[in-house]
Structure formats: C-alpha cells, structure tokens
Amino acid sequence: TILCANDRLAFGVMAAAYSRGLKVGRRPDCDLRVAAHDDHPLSRYTCPALTTMAQDFAAMAGRSVEILLALLDEADPKQDMARTVKLGATLVMRQSA
C-alpha cells in the first residue's frame, strides 16, 4: 500500500502505476493499493475510486486561527507553545485500497 500525503499526489501515483501496466485496487489480482488524505472532490471519480481520509478543514482553520490569536495575545510568546490539537477524520473506503 502506498499512503500519499494528499489526494493530488495519489492521483499521480495512480497515473504512474497505470502507465507502467500496474493494477491499483484491493482485489487479489491487483499489484498495489493507494490511499491518501483530503477527500478531494475528484477522488470518487478516479479509476479505481480513491480511498482517503476526509478531514474537517473548517474546524482545522478555525482552531488554527484561535491558537494564533491566543499566541498573539500572550505576554510571553514562549510560554505554553507546545499545543496539541486533535481533530476527527473519517475514513472513506473506496476501491483503491
């Protein structure tokens, strides 16, 4: 399985596999599996359809702005710089992996 950083990279991996005669998918007769992150609107239309992680980009952006504004308001910018944010994601199973 090749796990790509985003769906657009996965599109390229799938195109390169196709040009080499490799079959992408999760069936036993396939050569490799491809999955990615983003759930790009075109992911469902690739052949085979791309397995991907759907992320809440609005929540990511909102939380990023909240953290940035909080950092700008702090008197000591080095204080509490290590912050971890965990946001949910949804696995969208399709035929590529």
PDB file of N, CA and C in Angstrom:
ATOM      1  N   THR A   1       0.838  -1.183   0.000  1.00  0.00           N
ATOM      2  CA  THR A   1       0.000   0.000   0.000  1.00  0.00           C
ATOM      3  C   THR A   1       0.877   1.237   0.000  1.00  0.00           C
ATOM      4  N   ILE A   2       0.531   2.185  -0.822  1.00  0.00           N
ATOM      5  CA  ILE A   2       1.203   3.483  -0.835  1.00  0.00           C
ATOM      6  C   ILE A   2       0.246   4.481  -0.200  1.00  0.00           C
ATOM      7  N   LEU A   3       0.684   5.118   0.880  1.00  0.00           N
ATOM      8  CA  LEU A   3      -0.117   6.146   1.548  1.00  0.00           C
ATOM      9  C   LEU A   3       0.447   7.502   1.156  1.00  0.00           C
ATOM     10  N   CYS A   4      -0.345   8.268   0.439  1.00  0.00           N
ATOM     11  CA  CYS A   4       0.102   9.571  -0.065  1.00  0.00           C
ATOM     12  C   CYS A   4      -0.302  10.687   0.886  1.00  0.00           C
ATOM     13  N   ALA A   5       0.483  11.758   0.900  1.00  0.00           N
ATOM     14  CA  ALA A   5       0.238  12.892   1.786  1.00  0.00           C
ATOM     15  C   ALA A   5      -1.066  13.612   1.451  1.00  0.00           C
ATOM     16  N   ASN A   6      -1.490  13.556   0.205  1.00  0.00           N
ATOM     17  CA  ASN A   6      -2.774  14.153  -0.167  1.00  0.00           C
ATOM     18  C   ASN A   6      -3.305  13.456  -1.421  1.00  0.00           C
ATOM     19  N   ASP A   7      -4.539  13.738  -1.736  1.00  0.00           N
ATOM     20  CA  ASP A   7      -5.192  13.062  -2.853  1.00  0.00           C
ATOM     21  C   ASP A   7      -4.550  13.401  -4.195  1.00  0.00           C
ATOM     22  N   ARG A   8      -4.077  14.639  -4.365  1.00  0.00           N
ATOM     23  CA  ARG A   8      -3.475  15.016  -5.639  1.00  0.00           C
ATOM     24  C   ARG A   8      -2.203  14.202  -5.920  1.00  0.00           C
ATOM     25  N   LEU A   9      -1.428  13.917  -4.879  1.00  0.00           N
ATOM     26  CA  LEU A   9      -0.264  13.048  -5.067  1.00  0.00           C
ATOM     27  C   LEU A   9      -0.712  11.635  -5.426  1.00  0.00           C
ATOM     28  N   ALA A  10      -1.778  11.186  -4.803  1.00  0.00           N
ATOM     29  CA  ALA A  10      -2.301   9.845  -5.104  1.00  0.00           C
ATOM     30  C   ALA A  10      -2.761   9.748  -6.553  1.00  0.00           C
ATOM     31  N   PHE A  11      -3.340  10.830  -7.080  1.00  0.00           N
ATOM     32  CA  PHE A  11      -3.737  10.828  -8.490  1.00  0.00           C
ATOM     33  C   PHE A  11      -2.517  10.557  -9.367  1.00  0.00           C
ATOM     34  N   GLY A  12      -1.404  11.197  -9.038  1.00  0.00           N
ATOM     35  CA  GLY A  12      -0.169  10.990  -9.788  1.00  0.00           C
ATOM     36  C   GLY A  12       0.373   9.585  -9.647  1.00  0.00           C
ATOM     37  N   VAL A  13       0.323   9.033  -8.442  1.00  0.00           N
ATOM     38  CA  VAL A  13       0.778   7.657  -8.216  1.00  0.00           C
ATOM     39  C   VAL A  13      -0.070   6.689  -9.037  1.00  0.00           C
ATOM     40  N   MET A  14      -1.374   6.909  -9.027  1.00  0.00           N
ATOM     41  CA  MET A  14      -2.263   6.017  -9.775  1.00  0.00           C
ATOM     42  C   MET A  14      -2.025   6.136 -11.283  1.00  0.00           C
ATOM     43  N   ALA A  15      -1.768   7.349 -11.760  1.00  0.00           N
ATOM     44  CA  ALA A  15      -1.479   7.551 -13.183  1.00  0.00           C
ATOM     45  C   ALA A  15      -0.160   6.875 -13.561  1.00  0.00           C
ATOM     46  N   ALA A  16       0.857   7.010 -12.689  1.00  0.00           N
ATOM     47  CA  ALA A  16       2.149   6.374 -12.960  1.00  0.00           C
ATOM     48  C   ALA A  16       2.007   4.849 -12.958  1.00  0.00           C
ATOM     49  N   ALA A  17       1.233   4.327 -12.029  1.00  0.00           N
ATOM     50  CA  ALA A  17       1.009   2.873 -11.985  1.00  0.00           C
ATOM     51  C   ALA A  17       0.333   2.408 -13.271  1.00  0.00           C
ATOM     52  N   TYR A  18      -0.671   3.150 -13.693  1.00  0.00           N
ATOM     53  CA  TYR A  18      -1.382   2.803 -14.928  1.00  0.00           C
ATOM     54  C   TYR A  18      -0.430   2.810 -16.127  1.00  0.00           C
ATOM     55  N   SER A  19       0.437   3.827 -16.195  1.00  0.00           N
ATOM     56  CA  SER A  19       1.364   3.916 -17.333  1.00  0.00           C
ATOM     57  C   SER A  19       2.370   2.770 -17.340  1.00  0.00           C
ATOM     58  N   ARG A  20       2.610   2.164 -16.185  1.00  0.00           N
ATOM     59  CA  ARG A  20       3.525   1.024 -16.073  1.00  0.00           C
ATOM     60  C   ARG A  20       2.800  -0.320 -16.185  1.00  0.00           C
ATOM     61  N   GLY A  21       1.486  -0.268 -16.382  1.00  0.00           N
ATOM     62  CA  GLY A  21       0.725  -1.505 -16.512  1.00  0.00           C
ATOM     63  C   GLY A  21       0.384  -2.162 -15.186  1.00  0.00           C
ATOM     64  N   LEU A  22       0.507  -1.412 -14.092  1.00  0.00           N
ATOM     65  CA  LEU A  22       0.178  -1.956 -12.760  1.00  0.00           C
ATOM     66  C   LEU A  22      -1.293  -1.698 -12.449  1.00  0.00           C
ATOM     67  N   LYS A  23      -1.898  -2.666 -11.810  1.00  0.00           N
ATOM     68  CA  LYS A  23      -3.316  -2.557 -11.464  1.00  0.00           C
ATOM     69  C   LYS A  23      -3.441  -2.121 -10.005  1.00  0.00           C
ATOM     70  N   VAL A  24      -4.202  -1.043  -9.771  1.00  0.00           N
ATOM     71  CA  VAL A  24      -4.410  -0.495  -8.436  1.00  0.00           C
ATOM     72  C   VAL A  24      -5.762  -0.960  -7.908  1.00  0.00           C
ATOM     73  N   GLY A  25      -5.783  -1.410  -6.654  1.00  0.00           N
ATOM     74  CA  GLY A  25      -7.043  -1.809  -6.034  1.00  0.00           C
ATOM     75  C   GLY A  25      -6.830  -2.809  -4.925  1.00  0.00           C
ATOM     76  N   ARG A  26      -7.916  -3.205  -4.291  1.00  0.00           N
ATOM     77  CA  ARG A  26      -7.809  -4.122  -3.153  1.00  0.00           C
ATOM     78  C   ARG A  26      -8.167  -5.567  -3.497  1.00  0.00           C
ATOM     79  N   ARG A  27      -8.476  -5.814  -4.746  1.00  0.00           N
ATOM     80  CA  ARG A  27      -8.777  -7.189  -5.143  1.00  0.00           C
ATOM     81  C   ARG A  27      -7.497  -8.012  -5.234  1.00  0.00           C
ATOM     82  N   PRO A  28      -7.603  -9.331  -5.145  1.00  0.00           N
ATOM     83  CA  PRO A  28      -6.406 -10.195  -5.170  1.00  0.00           C
ATOM     84  C   PRO A  28      -5.567 -10.058  -6.435  1.00  0.00           C
ATOM     85  N   ASP A  29      -6.170  -9.687  -7.563  1.00  0.00           N
ATOM     86  CA  ASP A  29      -5.417  -9.583  -8.822  1.00  0.00           C
ATOM     87  C   ASP A  29      -4.723  -8.229  -9.003  1.00  0.00           C
ATOM     88  N   CYS A  30      -4.781  -7.364  -8.008  1.00  0.00           N
ATOM     89  CA  CYS A  30      -4.171  -6.030  -8.111  1.00  0.00           C
ATOM     90  C   CYS A  30      -2.717  -6.057  -7.635  1.00  0.00           C
ATOM     91  N   ASP A  31      -1.914  -5.149  -8.203  1.00  0.00           N
ATOM     92  CA  ASP A  31      -0.491  -5.077  -7.880  1.00  0.00           C
ATOM     93  C   ASP A  31      -0.196  -4.227  -6.649  1.00  0.00           C
ATOM     94  N   LEU A  32      -0.963  -3.171  -6.439  1.00  0.00           N
ATOM     95  CA  LEU A  32      -0.727  -2.302  -5.291  1.00  0.00           C
ATOM     96  C   LEU A  32      -2.015  -1.582  -4.895  1.00  0.00           C
ATOM     97  N   ARG A  33      -1.972  -1.056  -3.669  1.00  0.00           N
ATOM     98  CA  ARG A  33      -3.086  -0.275  -3.135  1.00  0.00           C
ATOM     99  C   ARG A  33      -2.604   1.155  -2.939  1.00  0.00           C
ATOM    100  N   VAL A  34      -3.517   2.107  -3.097  1.00  0.00           N
ATOM    101  CA  VAL A  34      -3.181   3.520  -2.915  1.00  0.00           C
ATOM    102  C   VAL A  34      -4.250   4.159  -2.041  1.00  0.00           C
ATOM    103  N   ALA A  35      -3.797   4.935  -1.055  1.00  0.00           N
ATOM    104  CA  ALA A  35      -4.708   5.689  -0.186  1.00  0.00           C
ATOM    105  C   ALA A  35      -4.086   7.054   0.075  1.00  0.00           C
ATOM    106  N   ALA A  36      -4.913   7.997   0.544  1.00  0.00           N
ATOM    107  CA  ALA A  36      -4.409   9.358   0.746  1.00  0.00           C
ATOM    108  C   ALA A  36      -5.224  10.100   1.800  1.00  0.00           C
ATOM    109  N   HIS A  37      -4.987  11.409   1.887  1.00  0.00           N
ATOM    110  CA  HIS A  37      -5.690  12.305   2.805  1.00  0.00           C
ATOM    111  C   HIS A  37      -6.325  13.432   2.000  1.00  0.00           C
ATOM    112  N   ASP A  38      -7.419  13.968   2.436  1.00  0.00           N
ATOM    113  CA  ASP A  38      -8.093  15.172   1.917  1.00  0.00           C
ATOM    114  C   ASP A  38      -9.533  14.933   1.483  1.00  0.00           C
ATOM    115  N   ASP A  39      -9.819  13.808   0.870  1.00  0.00           N
ATOM    116  CA  ASP A  39     -11.110  13.561   0.219  1.00  0.00           C
ATOM    117  C   ASP A  39     -11.415  14.672  -0.778  1.00  0.00           C
ATOM    118  N   HIS A  40     -10.472  14.882  -1.679  1.00  0.00           N
ATOM    119  CA  HIS A  40     -10.638  15.849  -2.764  1.00  0.00           C
ATOM    120  C   HIS A  40     -11.924  15.513  -3.528  1.00  0.00           C
ATOM    121  N   PRO A  41     -12.654  16.514  -4.012  1.00  0.00           N
ATOM    122  CA  PRO A  41     -13.913  16.237  -4.729  1.00  0.00           C
ATOM    123  C   PRO A  41     -13.778  15.275  -5.904  1.00  0.00           C
ATOM    124  N   LEU A  42     -12.609  15.205  -6.522  1.00  0.00           N
ATOM    125  CA  LEU A  42     -12.422  14.301  -7.659  1.00  0.00           C
ATOM    126  C   LEU A  42     -12.042  12.881  -7.258  1.00  0.00           C
ATOM    127  N   SER A  43     -11.776  12.652  -5.974  1.00  0.00           N
ATOM    128  CA  SER A  43     -11.310  11.332  -5.523  1.00  0.00           C
ATOM    129  C   SER A  43     -12.280  10.209  -5.835  1.00  0.00           C
ATOM    130  N   ARG A  44     -13.535  10.505  -5.797  1.00  0.00           N
ATOM    131  CA  ARG A  44     -14.536   9.460  -6.076  1.00  0.00           C
ATOM    132  C   ARG A  44     -14.620   9.104  -7.551  1.00  0.00           C
ATOM    133  N   TYR A  45     -14.009   9.952  -8.406  1.00  0.00           N
ATOM    134  CA  TYR A  45     -14.110   9.737  -9.852  1.00  0.00           C
ATOM    135  C   TYR A  45     -12.861   9.126 -10.475  1.00  0.00           C
ATOM    136  N   THR A  46     -11.809   8.893  -9.685  1.00  0.00           N
ATOM    137  CA  THR A  46     -10.631   8.236 -10.247  1.00  0.00           C
ATOM    138  C   THR A  46     -10.986   6.778 -10.533  1.00  0.00           C
ATOM    139  N   CYS A  47     -10.116   6.124 -11.266  1.00  0.00           N
ATOM    140  CA  CYS A  47     -10.388   4.730 -11.597  1.00  0.00           C
ATOM    141  C   CYS A  47      -9.189   3.885 -11.184  1.00  0.00           C
ATOM    142  N   PRO A  48      -9.310   3.122 -10.114  1.00  0.00           N
ATOM    143  CA  PRO A  48     -10.471   2.968  -9.234  1.00  0.00           C
ATOM    144  C   PRO A  48     -10.631   4.191  -8.316  1.00  0.00           C
ATOM    145  N   ALA A  49     -11.807   4.311  -7.723  1.00  0.00           N
ATOM    146  CA  ALA A  49     -12.067   5.427  -6.813  1.00  0.00           C
ATOM    147  C   ALA A  49     -11.079   5.370  -5.645  1.00  0.00           C
ATOM    148  N   LEU A  50     -10.588   6.546  -5.237  1.00  0.00           N
ATOM    149  CA  LEU A  50      -9.511   6.640  -4.258  1.00  0.00           C
ATOM    150  C   LEU A  50     -10.004   6.524  -2.818  1.00  0.00           C
ATOM    151  N   THR A  51      -9.400   5.616  -2.055  1.00  0.00           N
ATOM    152  CA  THR A  51      -9.630   5.519  -0.611  1.00  0.00           C
ATOM    153  C   THR A  51      -8.893   6.681   0.043  1.00  0.00           C
ATOM    154  N   THR A  52      -9.559   7.395   0.951  1.00  0.00           N
ATOM    155  CA  THR A  52      -8.978   8.606   1.505  1.00  0.00           C
ATOM    156  C   THR A  52      -9.522   8.917   2.893  1.00  0.00           C
ATOM    157  N   MET A  53      -8.861   9.827   3.572  1.00  0.00           N
ATOM    158  CA  MET A  53      -9.332  10.320   4.872  1.00  0.00           C
ATOM    159  C   MET A  53      -9.961  11.685   4.654  1.00  0.00           C
ATOM    160  N   ALA A  54     -11.222  11.820   5.031  1.00  0.00           N
ATOM    161  CA  ALA A  54     -11.915  13.103   4.939  1.00  0.00           C
ATOM    162  C   ALA A  54     -11.649  13.878   6.217  1.00  0.00           C
ATOM    163  N   GLN A  55     -11.151  15.087   6.071  1.00  0.00           N
ATOM    164  CA  GLN A  55     -10.818  15.915   7.216  1.00  0.00           C
ATOM    165  C   GLN A  55     -11.730  17.135   7.242  1.00  0.00           C
ATOM    166  N   ASP A  56     -11.993  17.645   8.442  1.00  0.00           N
ATOM    167  CA  ASP A  56     -12.837  18.824   8.612  1.00  0.00           C
ATOM    168  C   ASP A  56     -11.965  20.067   8.490  1.00  0.00           C
ATOM    169  N   PHE A  57     -11.836  20.576   7.263  1.00  0.00           N
ATOM    170  CA  PHE A  57     -10.952  21.714   7.026  1.00  0.00           C
ATOM    171  C   PHE A  57     -11.446  22.988   7.692  1.00  0.00           C
ATOM    172  N   ALA A  58     -12.747  23.160   7.816  1.00  0.00           N
ATOM    173  CA  ALA A  58     -13.282  24.345   8.506  1.00  0.00           C
ATOM    174  C   ALA A  58     -12.868  24.327   9.975  1.00  0.00           C
ATOM    175  N   ALA A  59     -12.942  23.163  10.610  1.00  0.00           N
ATOM    176  CA  ALA A  59     -12.532  23.051  12.016  1.00  0.00           C
ATOM    177  C   ALA A  59     -11.027  23.277  12.150  1.00  0.00           C
ATOM    178  N   MET A  60     -10.242  22.761  11.202  1.00  0.00           N
ATOM    179  CA  MET A  60      -8.784  22.965  11.234  1.00  0.00           C
ATOM    180  C   MET A  60      -8.453  24.457  11.144  1.00  0.00           C
ATOM    181  N   ALA A  61      -9.068  25.129  10.200  1.00  0.00           N
ATOM    182  CA  ALA A  61      -8.800  26.554  10.014  1.00  0.00           C
ATOM    183  C   ALA A  61      -9.253  27.353  11.230  1.00  0.00           C
ATOM    184  N   GLY A  62     -10.432  27.044  11.728  1.00  0.00           N
ATOM    185  CA  GLY A  62     -10.950  27.754  12.893  1.00  0.00           C
ATOM    186  C   GLY A  62     -10.061  27.595  14.112  1.00  0.00           C
ATOM    187  N   ARG A  63      -9.637  26.362  14.365  1.00  0.00           N
ATOM    188  CA  ARG A  63      -8.778  26.102  15.528  1.00  0.00           C
ATOM    189  C   ARG A  63      -7.414  26.770  15.345  1.00  0.00           C
ATOM    190  N   SER A  64      -6.888  26.773  14.128  1.00  0.00           N
ATOM    191  CA  SER A  64      -5.607  27.421  13.850  1.00  0.00           C
ATOM    192  C   SER A  64      -5.677  28.916  14.141  1.00  0.00           C
ATOM    193  N   VAL A  65      -6.755  29.562  13.737  1.00  0.00           N
ATOM    194  CA  VAL A  65      -6.918  30.993  13.988  1.00  0.00           C
ATOM    195  C   VAL A  65      -7.038  31.253  15.484  1.00  0.00           C
ATOM    196  N   GLU A  66      -7.784  30.400  16.201  1.00  0.00           N
ATOM    197  CA  GLU A  66      -7.914  30.557  17.654  1.00  0.00           C
ATOM    198  C   GLU A  66      -6.540  30.487  18.332  1.00  0.00           C
ATOM    199  N   ILE A  67      -5.734  29.519  17.951  1.00  0.00           N
ATOM    200  CA  ILE A  67      -4.398  29.358  18.549  1.00  0.00           C
ATOM    201  C   ILE A  67      -3.510  30.546  18.196  1.00  0.00           C
ATOM    202  N   LEU A  68      -3.552  30.959  16.938  1.00  0.00           N
ATOM    203  CA  LEU A  68      -2.742  32.106  16.514  1.00  0.00           C
ATOM    204  C   LEU A  68      -3.113  33.358  17.307  1.00  0.00           C
ATOM    205  N   LEU A  69      -4.394  33.630  17.439  1.00  0.00           N
ATOM    206  CA  LEU A  69      -4.827  34.813  18.188  1.00  0.00           C
ATOM    207  C   LEU A  69      -4.441  34.716  19.660  1.00  0.00           C
ATOM    208  N   ALA A  70      -4.540  33.520  20.220  1.00  0.00           N
ATOM    209  CA  ALA A  70      -4.136  33.332  21.617  1.00  0.00           C
ATOM    210  C   ALA A  70      -2.643  33.580  21.782  1.00  0.00           C
ATOM    211  N   LEU A  71      -1.841  33.120  20.835  1.00  0.00           N
ATOM    212  CA  LEU A  71      -0.395  33.342  20.895  1.00  0.00           C
ATOM    213  C   LEU A  71      -0.059  34.823  20.764  1.00  0.00           C
ATOM    214  N   LEU A  72      -0.790  35.522  19.924  1.00  0.00           N
ATOM    215  CA  LEU A  72      -0.543  36.952  19.747  1.00  0.00           C
ATOM    216  C   LEU A  72      -0.910  37.752  20.995  1.00  0.00           C
ATOM    217  N   ASP A  73      -1.874  37.250  21.756  1.00  0.00           N
ATOM    218  CA  ASP A  73      -2.321  37.934  22.970  1.00  0.00           C
ATOM    219  C   ASP A  73      -1.441  37.646  24.181  1.00  0.00           C
ATOM    220  N   GLU A  74      -0.639  36.591  24.135  1.00  0.00           N
ATOM    221  CA  GLU A  74       0.180  36.219  25.295  1.00  0.00           C
ATOM    222  C   GLU A  74       1.316  37.209  25.509  1.00  0.00           C
ATOM    223  N   ALA A  75       1.587  37.517  26.778  1.00  0.00           N
ATOM    224  CA  ALA A  75       2.689  38.416  27.123  1.00  0.00           C
ATOM    225  C   ALA A  75       4.039  37.753  26.852  1.00  0.00           C
ATOM    226  N   ASP A  76       4.142  36.467  27.170  1.00  0.00           N
ATOM    227  CA  ASP A  76       5.383  35.721  26.952  1.00  0.00           C
ATOM    228  C   ASP A  76       5.129  34.697  25.851  1.00  0.00           C
ATOM    229  N   PRO A  77       5.564  34.973  24.612  1.00  0.00           N
ATOM    230  CA  PRO A  77       5.253  34.081  23.497  1.00  0.00           C
ATOM    231  C   PRO A  77       5.829  32.676  23.627  1.00  0.00           C
ATOM    232  N   LYS A  78       6.884  32.479  24.447  1.00  0.00           N
ATOM    233  CA  LYS A  78       7.467  31.144  24.591  1.00  0.00           C
ATOM    234  C   LYS A  78       6.689  30.292  25.586  1.00  0.00           C
ATOM    235  N   GLN A  79       5.833  30.913  26.360  1.00  0.00           N
ATOM    236  CA  GLN A  79       5.060  30.181  27.354  1.00  0.00           C
ATOM    237  C   GLN A  79       3.987  29.341  26.667  1.00  0.00           C
ATOM    238  N   ASP A  80       3.937  28.078  27.034  1.00  0.00           N
ATOM    239  CA  ASP A  80       2.898  27.162  26.553  1.00  0.00           C
ATOM    240  C   ASP A  80       2.824  27.070  25.027  1.00  0.00           C
ATOM    241  N   MET A  81       3.979  27.050  24.365  1.00  0.00           N
ATOM    242  CA  MET A  81       3.990  26.964  22.907  1.00  0.00           C
ATOM    243  C   MET A  81       3.653  25.570  22.395  1.00  0.00           C
ATOM    244  N   ALA A  82       3.905  24.549  23.210  1.00  0.00           N
ATOM    245  CA  ALA A  82       3.627  23.181  22.776  1.00  0.00           C
ATOM    246  C   ALA A  82       2.140  22.894  22.954  1.00  0.00           C
ATOM    247  N   ARG A  83       1.413  22.901  21.866  1.00  0.00           N
ATOM    248  CA  ARG A  83      -0.026  22.635  21.897  1.00  0.00           C
ATOM    249  C   ARG A  83      -0.332  21.504  20.926  1.00  0.00           C
ATOM    250  N   THR A  84      -1.162  20.635  21.366  1.00  0.00           N
ATOM    251  CA  THR A  84      -1.594  19.525  20.525  1.00  0.00           C
ATOM    252  C   THR A  84      -3.082  19.660  20.268  1.00  0.00           C
ATOM    253  N   VAL A  85      -3.443  19.570  19.028  1.00  0.00           N
ATOM    254  CA  VAL A  85      -4.844  19.656  18.644  1.00  0.00           C
ATOM    255  C   VAL A  85      -5.189  18.382  17.888  1.00  0.00           C
ATOM    256  N   LYS A  86      -6.209  17.703  18.334  1.00  0.00           N
ATOM    257  CA  LYS A  86      -6.661  16.502  17.644  1.00  0.00           C
ATOM    258  C   LYS A  86      -8.062  16.753  17.113  1.00  0.00           C
ATOM    259  N   LEU A  87      -8.199  16.617  15.824  1.00  0.00           N
ATOM    260  CA  LEU A  87      -9.495  16.776  15.178  1.00  0.00           C
ATOM    261  C   LEU A  87      -9.872  15.462  14.525  1.00  0.00           C
ATOM    262  N   GLY A  88     -11.119  15.191  14.470  1.00  0.00           N
ATOM    263  CA  GLY A  88     -11.590  13.946  13.886  1.00  0.00           C
ATOM    264  C   GLY A  88     -11.412  13.886  12.375  1.00  0.00           C
ATOM    265  N   ALA A  89     -11.387  12.688  11.871  1.00  0.00           N
ATOM    266  CA  ALA A  89     -11.327  12.437  10.434  1.00  0.00           C
ATOM    267  C   ALA A  89     -12.157  11.189  10.155  1.00  0.00           C
ATOM    268  N   THR A  90     -12.570  11.046   8.934  1.00  0.00           N
ATOM    269  CA  THR A  90     -13.404   9.921   8.543  1.00  0.00           C
ATOM    270  C   THR A  90     -12.745   9.151   7.408  1.00  0.00           C
ATOM    271  N   LEU A  91     -12.576   7.854   7.585  1.00  0.00           N
ATOM    272  CA  LEU A  91     -12.033   7.023   6.517  1.00  0.00           C
ATOM    273  C   LEU A  91     -13.110   6.791   5.480  1.00  0.00           C
ATOM    274  N   VAL A  92     -12.802   7.160   4.245  1.00  0.00           N
ATOM    275  CA  VAL A  92     -13.721   6.966   3.131  1.00  0.00           C
ATOM    276  C   VAL A  92     -13.179   5.794   2.312  1.00  0.00           C
ATOM    277  N   MET A  93     -13.730   4.623   2.552  1.00  0.00           N
ATOM    278  CA  MET A  93     -13.266   3.415   1.854  1.00  0.00           C
ATOM    279  C   MET A  93     -13.817   3.387   0.430  1.00  0.00           C
ATOM    280  N   ARG A  94     -12.882   3.317  -0.497  1.00  0.00           N
ATOM    281  CA  ARG A  94     -13.262   3.169  -1.911  1.00  0.00           C
ATOM    282  C   ARG A  94     -12.434   2.014  -2.467  1.00  0.00           C
ATOM    283  N   GLN A  95     -12.372   1.861  -3.746  1.00  0.00           N
ATOM    284  CA  GLN A  95     -11.787   0.659  -4.344  1.00  0.00           C
ATOM    285  C   GLN A  95     -10.264   0.659  -4.456  1.00  0.00           C
ATOM    286  N   SER A  96      -9.583   1.778  -4.228  1.00  0.00           N
ATOM    287  CA  SER A  96      -8.133   1.799  -4.458  1.00  0.00           C
ATOM    288  C   SER A  96      -7.327   1.145  -3.348  1.00  0.00           C
ATOM    289  N   ALA A  97      -7.931   0.958  -2.172  1.00  0.00           N
ATOM    290  CA  ALA A  97      -7.205   0.316  -1.058  1.00  0.00           C
ATOM    291  C   ALA A  97      -8.183  -0.335  -0.114  1.00  0.00           C
TER     292      ALA A  97
END
